[in-house]
N, C-alpha and C. Protein backbone atom coordinates (compact mmCIF):
# COMPACT_ATOMS: atom_id res chain seq x y z
N UNK A 1 -8.34 -7.94 63.83
CA UNK A 1 -8.59 -8.42 65.18
C UNK A 1 -10.08 -8.68 65.39
N UNK A 2 -10.90 -7.72 65.00
CA UNK A 2 -12.34 -7.87 65.24
C UNK A 2 -12.92 -9.02 64.42
N UNK A 3 -12.46 -9.19 63.19
CA UNK A 3 -12.93 -10.32 62.38
C UNK A 3 -12.61 -11.64 63.08
N UNK A 4 -11.41 -11.74 63.65
CA UNK A 4 -11.03 -12.96 64.36
C UNK A 4 -11.95 -13.21 65.55
N UNK A 5 -12.30 -12.17 66.27
CA UNK A 5 -13.19 -12.32 67.42
C UNK A 5 -14.56 -12.82 66.98
N UNK A 6 -15.11 -12.21 65.94
CA UNK A 6 -16.43 -12.63 65.46
C UNK A 6 -16.39 -14.05 64.91
N UNK A 7 -15.35 -14.36 64.14
CA UNK A 7 -15.25 -15.69 63.54
C UNK A 7 -14.98 -16.77 64.59
N UNK A 8 -14.17 -16.45 65.59
CA UNK A 8 -13.86 -17.41 66.65
C UNK A 8 -15.12 -17.84 67.39
N UNK A 9 -16.05 -16.91 67.51
CA UNK A 9 -17.30 -17.19 68.22
C UNK A 9 -18.43 -17.57 67.27
N UNK A 10 -18.11 -17.80 66.00
CA UNK A 10 -19.10 -18.22 65.00
C UNK A 10 -20.28 -17.25 64.94
N UNK A 11 -19.99 -15.97 65.00
CA UNK A 11 -21.05 -14.96 64.99
C UNK A 11 -21.18 -14.36 63.59
N UNK A 12 -22.36 -13.91 63.28
CA UNK A 12 -22.61 -13.28 62.00
C UNK A 12 -23.50 -14.11 61.11
N UNK A 13 -23.74 -15.37 61.48
CA UNK A 13 -24.66 -16.19 60.71
C UNK A 13 -26.07 -15.64 60.91
N UNK A 14 -26.92 -15.87 59.92
CA UNK A 14 -28.28 -15.35 60.01
C UNK A 14 -29.12 -16.07 61.04
N UNK A 15 -28.86 -17.35 61.27
CA UNK A 15 -29.67 -18.13 62.20
C UNK A 15 -28.93 -18.33 63.53
N UNK A 16 -28.92 -17.30 64.33
CA UNK A 16 -28.26 -17.39 65.63
C UNK A 16 -29.34 -17.58 66.70
N UNK A 17 -29.00 -18.34 67.72
CA UNK A 17 -29.92 -18.48 68.85
C UNK A 17 -29.86 -17.18 69.68
N UNK A 18 -30.74 -17.11 70.67
CA UNK A 18 -30.83 -15.90 71.48
C UNK A 18 -29.50 -15.52 72.12
N UNK A 19 -28.82 -16.49 72.73
CA UNK A 19 -27.56 -16.22 73.42
C UNK A 19 -26.49 -15.73 72.44
N UNK A 20 -26.47 -16.29 71.24
CA UNK A 20 -25.49 -15.84 70.24
C UNK A 20 -25.79 -14.42 69.78
N UNK A 21 -27.07 -14.09 69.65
CA UNK A 21 -27.42 -12.71 69.27
C UNK A 21 -27.00 -11.73 70.35
N UNK A 22 -27.21 -12.12 71.61
CA UNK A 22 -26.80 -11.25 72.72
C UNK A 22 -25.29 -11.06 72.71
N UNK A 23 -24.54 -12.15 72.57
CA UNK A 23 -23.08 -12.06 72.52
C UNK A 23 -22.64 -11.20 71.34
N UNK A 24 -23.26 -11.38 70.19
CA UNK A 24 -22.92 -10.57 69.01
C UNK A 24 -23.14 -9.09 69.30
N UNK A 25 -24.28 -8.76 69.91
CA UNK A 25 -24.58 -7.35 70.20
C UNK A 25 -23.61 -6.78 71.23
N UNK A 26 -23.23 -7.58 72.23
CA UNK A 26 -22.26 -7.12 73.23
C UNK A 26 -20.90 -6.86 72.59
N UNK A 27 -20.44 -7.79 71.74
CA UNK A 27 -19.16 -7.60 71.06
C UNK A 27 -19.21 -6.43 70.09
N UNK A 28 -20.32 -6.30 69.38
CA UNK A 28 -20.48 -5.18 68.47
C UNK A 28 -20.46 -3.85 69.23
N UNK A 29 -21.09 -3.81 70.41
CA UNK A 29 -21.06 -2.60 71.23
C UNK A 29 -19.65 -2.27 71.70
N UNK A 30 -18.89 -3.29 72.08
CA UNK A 30 -17.49 -3.06 72.46
C UNK A 30 -16.68 -2.57 71.27
N UNK A 31 -16.92 -3.16 70.12
CA UNK A 31 -16.24 -2.74 68.89
C UNK A 31 -16.59 -1.27 68.58
N UNK A 32 -17.85 -0.92 68.72
CA UNK A 32 -18.28 0.46 68.47
C UNK A 32 -17.64 1.42 69.46
N UNK A 33 -17.57 1.03 70.71
CA UNK A 33 -16.93 1.87 71.72
C UNK A 33 -15.47 2.15 71.37
N UNK A 34 -14.77 1.13 70.91
CA UNK A 34 -13.38 1.29 70.50
C UNK A 34 -13.27 2.24 69.31
N UNK A 35 -14.15 2.06 68.33
CA UNK A 35 -14.13 2.91 67.14
C UNK A 35 -14.46 4.36 67.50
N UNK A 36 -15.40 4.55 68.43
CA UNK A 36 -15.73 5.91 68.88
C UNK A 36 -14.54 6.57 69.56
N UNK A 37 -13.82 5.82 70.36
CA UNK A 37 -12.63 6.37 71.02
C UNK A 37 -11.59 6.79 70.00
N UNK A 38 -11.44 6.00 68.95
CA UNK A 38 -10.50 6.36 67.88
C UNK A 38 -10.95 7.63 67.18
N UNK A 39 -12.25 7.72 66.86
CA UNK A 39 -12.77 8.91 66.18
C UNK A 39 -12.65 10.15 67.05
N UNK A 40 -12.86 9.99 68.35
CA UNK A 40 -12.79 11.13 69.27
C UNK A 40 -11.36 11.63 69.47
N UNK A 41 -10.40 10.74 69.46
CA UNK A 41 -9.00 11.11 69.69
C UNK A 41 -8.16 10.73 68.47
N UNK A 42 -8.55 11.23 67.33
CA UNK A 42 -7.94 10.81 66.08
C UNK A 42 -6.62 11.53 65.79
N UNK A 43 -6.64 12.85 65.95
CA UNK A 43 -5.45 13.64 65.63
C UNK A 43 -4.67 13.98 66.89
N UNK A 44 -3.39 13.59 66.96
CA UNK A 44 -2.60 13.86 68.17
C UNK A 44 -2.18 15.33 68.25
N UNK A 45 -1.79 15.77 69.45
CA UNK A 45 -1.26 17.13 69.58
C UNK A 45 -0.07 17.32 68.64
N UNK A 46 0.02 18.50 68.08
CA UNK A 46 1.10 18.78 67.13
C UNK A 46 1.43 20.27 67.16
N UNK A 47 2.69 20.58 67.45
CA UNK A 47 3.10 21.98 67.42
C UNK A 47 3.06 22.52 66.00
N UNK A 48 3.41 21.66 65.05
CA UNK A 48 3.43 22.09 63.64
C UNK A 48 2.03 22.47 63.15
N UNK A 49 1.02 21.76 63.63
CA UNK A 49 -0.36 22.04 63.21
C UNK A 49 -1.14 22.84 64.25
N UNK A 50 -0.43 23.35 65.25
CA UNK A 50 -1.00 24.20 66.28
C UNK A 50 -2.15 23.51 67.04
N UNK A 51 -1.96 22.22 67.34
CA UNK A 51 -2.93 21.47 68.14
C UNK A 51 -2.31 21.19 69.49
N UNK A 52 -3.01 21.57 70.54
CA UNK A 52 -2.49 21.31 71.88
C UNK A 52 -3.11 20.07 72.52
N UNK A 53 -4.22 19.61 71.99
CA UNK A 53 -4.92 18.43 72.52
C UNK A 53 -5.24 17.46 71.39
N UNK A 54 -5.61 16.24 71.77
CA UNK A 54 -6.11 15.29 70.79
C UNK A 54 -7.42 15.84 70.25
N UNK A 55 -7.62 15.69 68.95
CA UNK A 55 -8.83 16.23 68.33
C UNK A 55 -9.60 15.14 67.59
N UNK A 56 -10.93 15.30 67.51
CA UNK A 56 -11.76 14.30 66.83
C UNK A 56 -11.66 14.39 65.32
N UNK A 57 -12.16 13.34 64.68
CA UNK A 57 -12.26 13.28 63.22
C UNK A 57 -13.72 12.98 62.88
N UNK A 58 -14.54 14.02 62.70
CA UNK A 58 -15.97 13.81 62.42
C UNK A 58 -16.23 13.04 61.13
N UNK A 59 -15.39 13.22 60.12
CA UNK A 59 -15.62 12.49 58.87
C UNK A 59 -15.37 10.99 59.07
N UNK A 60 -14.40 10.62 59.89
CA UNK A 60 -14.17 9.22 60.20
C UNK A 60 -15.38 8.64 60.92
N UNK A 61 -15.92 9.42 61.88
CA UNK A 61 -17.12 8.98 62.60
C UNK A 61 -18.26 8.73 61.63
N UNK A 62 -18.50 9.67 60.73
CA UNK A 62 -19.60 9.52 59.77
C UNK A 62 -19.37 8.34 58.84
N UNK A 63 -18.13 8.15 58.39
CA UNK A 63 -17.83 7.01 57.52
C UNK A 63 -18.13 5.69 58.20
N UNK A 64 -17.87 5.62 59.51
CA UNK A 64 -18.05 4.37 60.24
C UNK A 64 -19.50 4.10 60.62
N UNK A 65 -20.28 5.16 60.90
CA UNK A 65 -21.58 4.95 61.52
C UNK A 65 -22.78 5.47 60.73
N UNK A 66 -22.57 6.27 59.74
CA UNK A 66 -23.70 6.85 59.02
C UNK A 66 -24.61 5.78 58.40
N UNK A 67 -24.02 4.76 57.84
CA UNK A 67 -24.81 3.71 57.18
C UNK A 67 -25.09 2.52 58.11
N UNK A 68 -24.65 2.62 59.36
CA UNK A 68 -24.81 1.50 60.30
C UNK A 68 -25.31 1.98 61.66
N UNK A 69 -26.54 2.49 61.73
CA UNK A 69 -27.04 2.94 63.04
C UNK A 69 -27.18 1.80 64.04
N UNK A 70 -27.25 0.56 63.55
CA UNK A 70 -27.36 -0.59 64.46
C UNK A 70 -26.12 -0.72 65.34
N UNK A 71 -24.98 -0.23 64.86
CA UNK A 71 -23.77 -0.28 65.69
C UNK A 71 -23.95 0.57 66.95
N UNK A 72 -24.54 1.75 66.77
CA UNK A 72 -24.77 2.62 67.93
C UNK A 72 -25.84 2.04 68.85
N UNK A 73 -26.85 1.36 68.28
CA UNK A 73 -27.84 0.68 69.12
C UNK A 73 -27.18 -0.44 69.92
N UNK A 74 -26.23 -1.14 69.30
CA UNK A 74 -25.51 -2.20 70.02
C UNK A 74 -24.64 -1.63 71.13
N UNK A 75 -24.08 -0.44 70.90
CA UNK A 75 -23.31 0.23 71.96
C UNK A 75 -24.22 0.54 73.14
N UNK A 76 -25.39 1.07 72.84
CA UNK A 76 -26.36 1.37 73.90
C UNK A 76 -26.75 0.09 74.64
N UNK A 77 -27.00 -0.99 73.91
CA UNK A 77 -27.34 -2.27 74.51
C UNK A 77 -26.23 -2.74 75.45
N UNK A 78 -24.98 -2.62 75.02
CA UNK A 78 -23.85 -3.04 75.85
C UNK A 78 -23.77 -2.24 77.14
N UNK A 79 -24.00 -0.94 77.06
CA UNK A 79 -23.96 -0.12 78.27
C UNK A 79 -25.12 -0.45 79.21
N UNK A 80 -26.30 -0.74 78.65
CA UNK A 80 -27.43 -1.13 79.48
C UNK A 80 -27.11 -2.43 80.23
N UNK A 81 -26.54 -3.40 79.53
CA UNK A 81 -26.17 -4.66 80.17
C UNK A 81 -25.13 -4.42 81.25
N UNK A 82 -24.14 -3.58 80.96
CA UNK A 82 -23.11 -3.25 81.95
C UNK A 82 -23.73 -2.60 83.19
N UNK A 83 -24.62 -1.65 82.98
CA UNK A 83 -25.26 -0.97 84.12
C UNK A 83 -26.11 -1.94 84.95
N UNK A 84 -26.82 -2.84 84.27
CA UNK A 84 -27.62 -3.83 85.01
C UNK A 84 -26.72 -4.77 85.80
N UNK A 85 -25.60 -5.16 85.22
CA UNK A 85 -24.66 -6.04 85.93
C UNK A 85 -24.07 -5.32 87.14
N UNK A 86 -23.73 -4.07 86.99
CA UNK A 86 -23.20 -3.31 88.13
C UNK A 86 -24.24 -3.15 89.23
N UNK A 87 -25.48 -2.94 88.81
CA UNK A 87 -26.53 -2.81 89.82
C UNK A 87 -26.71 -4.11 90.59
N UNK A 88 -26.68 -5.24 89.89
CA UNK A 88 -26.82 -6.52 90.58
C UNK A 88 -25.62 -6.81 91.48
N UNK A 89 -24.44 -6.35 91.08
CA UNK A 89 -23.23 -6.60 91.85
C UNK A 89 -22.99 -5.56 92.93
N UNK A 90 -23.76 -4.48 92.93
CA UNK A 90 -23.48 -3.37 93.85
C UNK A 90 -23.46 -3.76 95.32
N UNK A 91 -24.36 -4.62 95.81
CA UNK A 91 -24.24 -4.99 97.23
C UNK A 91 -22.90 -5.64 97.55
N UNK A 92 -22.44 -6.51 96.69
CA UNK A 92 -21.15 -7.15 96.90
C UNK A 92 -20.02 -6.13 96.80
N UNK A 93 -20.11 -5.24 95.81
CA UNK A 93 -19.05 -4.25 95.59
C UNK A 93 -18.97 -3.26 96.74
N UNK A 94 -20.11 -2.89 97.32
CA UNK A 94 -20.11 -1.94 98.44
C UNK A 94 -19.57 -2.56 99.72
N UNK A 95 -19.81 -3.85 99.91
CA UNK A 95 -19.45 -4.48 101.18
C UNK A 95 -18.15 -5.27 101.11
N UNK A 96 -17.59 -5.40 99.97
CA UNK A 96 -16.33 -6.14 99.84
C UNK A 96 -15.17 -5.20 100.10
N UNK A 97 -14.26 -5.62 100.94
CA UNK A 97 -13.10 -4.80 101.26
C UNK A 97 -11.95 -5.21 100.34
N UNK A 98 -11.87 -4.60 99.18
CA UNK A 98 -10.85 -4.99 98.21
C UNK A 98 -9.48 -4.38 98.51
N UNK A 99 -9.44 -3.45 99.44
CA UNK A 99 -8.15 -2.83 99.74
C UNK A 99 -7.29 -3.69 100.65
N UNK A 100 -7.90 -4.66 101.32
CA UNK A 100 -7.16 -5.53 102.23
C UNK A 100 -6.59 -6.71 101.45
N UNK A 101 -5.35 -7.12 101.76
CA UNK A 101 -4.80 -8.31 101.11
C UNK A 101 -5.58 -9.55 101.51
N UNK A 102 -5.58 -10.52 100.64
CA UNK A 102 -6.32 -11.76 100.88
C UNK A 102 -5.64 -12.56 101.99
N UNK A 103 -6.42 -13.00 102.95
CA UNK A 103 -5.86 -13.85 104.01
C UNK A 103 -6.07 -15.31 103.59
N UNK A 104 -5.42 -16.25 104.28
CA UNK A 104 -5.54 -17.67 103.88
C UNK A 104 -6.96 -18.22 103.90
N UNK A 105 -7.85 -17.62 104.70
CA UNK A 105 -9.23 -18.11 104.79
C UNK A 105 -10.06 -17.74 103.58
N UNK A 106 -9.68 -16.73 102.82
CA UNK A 106 -10.51 -16.29 101.70
C UNK A 106 -10.50 -17.26 100.55
N UNK A 107 -9.57 -18.17 100.51
CA UNK A 107 -9.52 -19.17 99.43
C UNK A 107 -10.39 -20.39 99.72
N UNK A 108 -11.02 -20.41 100.88
CA UNK A 108 -11.82 -21.58 101.27
C UNK A 108 -13.25 -21.44 100.79
């Protein structure tokens, strides 16, 4: 799935423009976030193995990230972009009444 996403957007070439590098880093951060979630919740609860909660797999984490610290930097970059976007949108988000159904005038 991730290869298709990168290839669909023609990412990974050495000569990318600024916008392509930003998109690559954002997608890489999302990919890293997904992989971290998998590593954190790797082993499901099991009565046979006496596990009551989902448990992490530290060796999987190390296998994925030990040789690729840039993935974690891209995750940080993605969160910074997300936080900046939320900050810019916060006035709209605070004053928008999303709990009310849309009336016919809102489409104008």
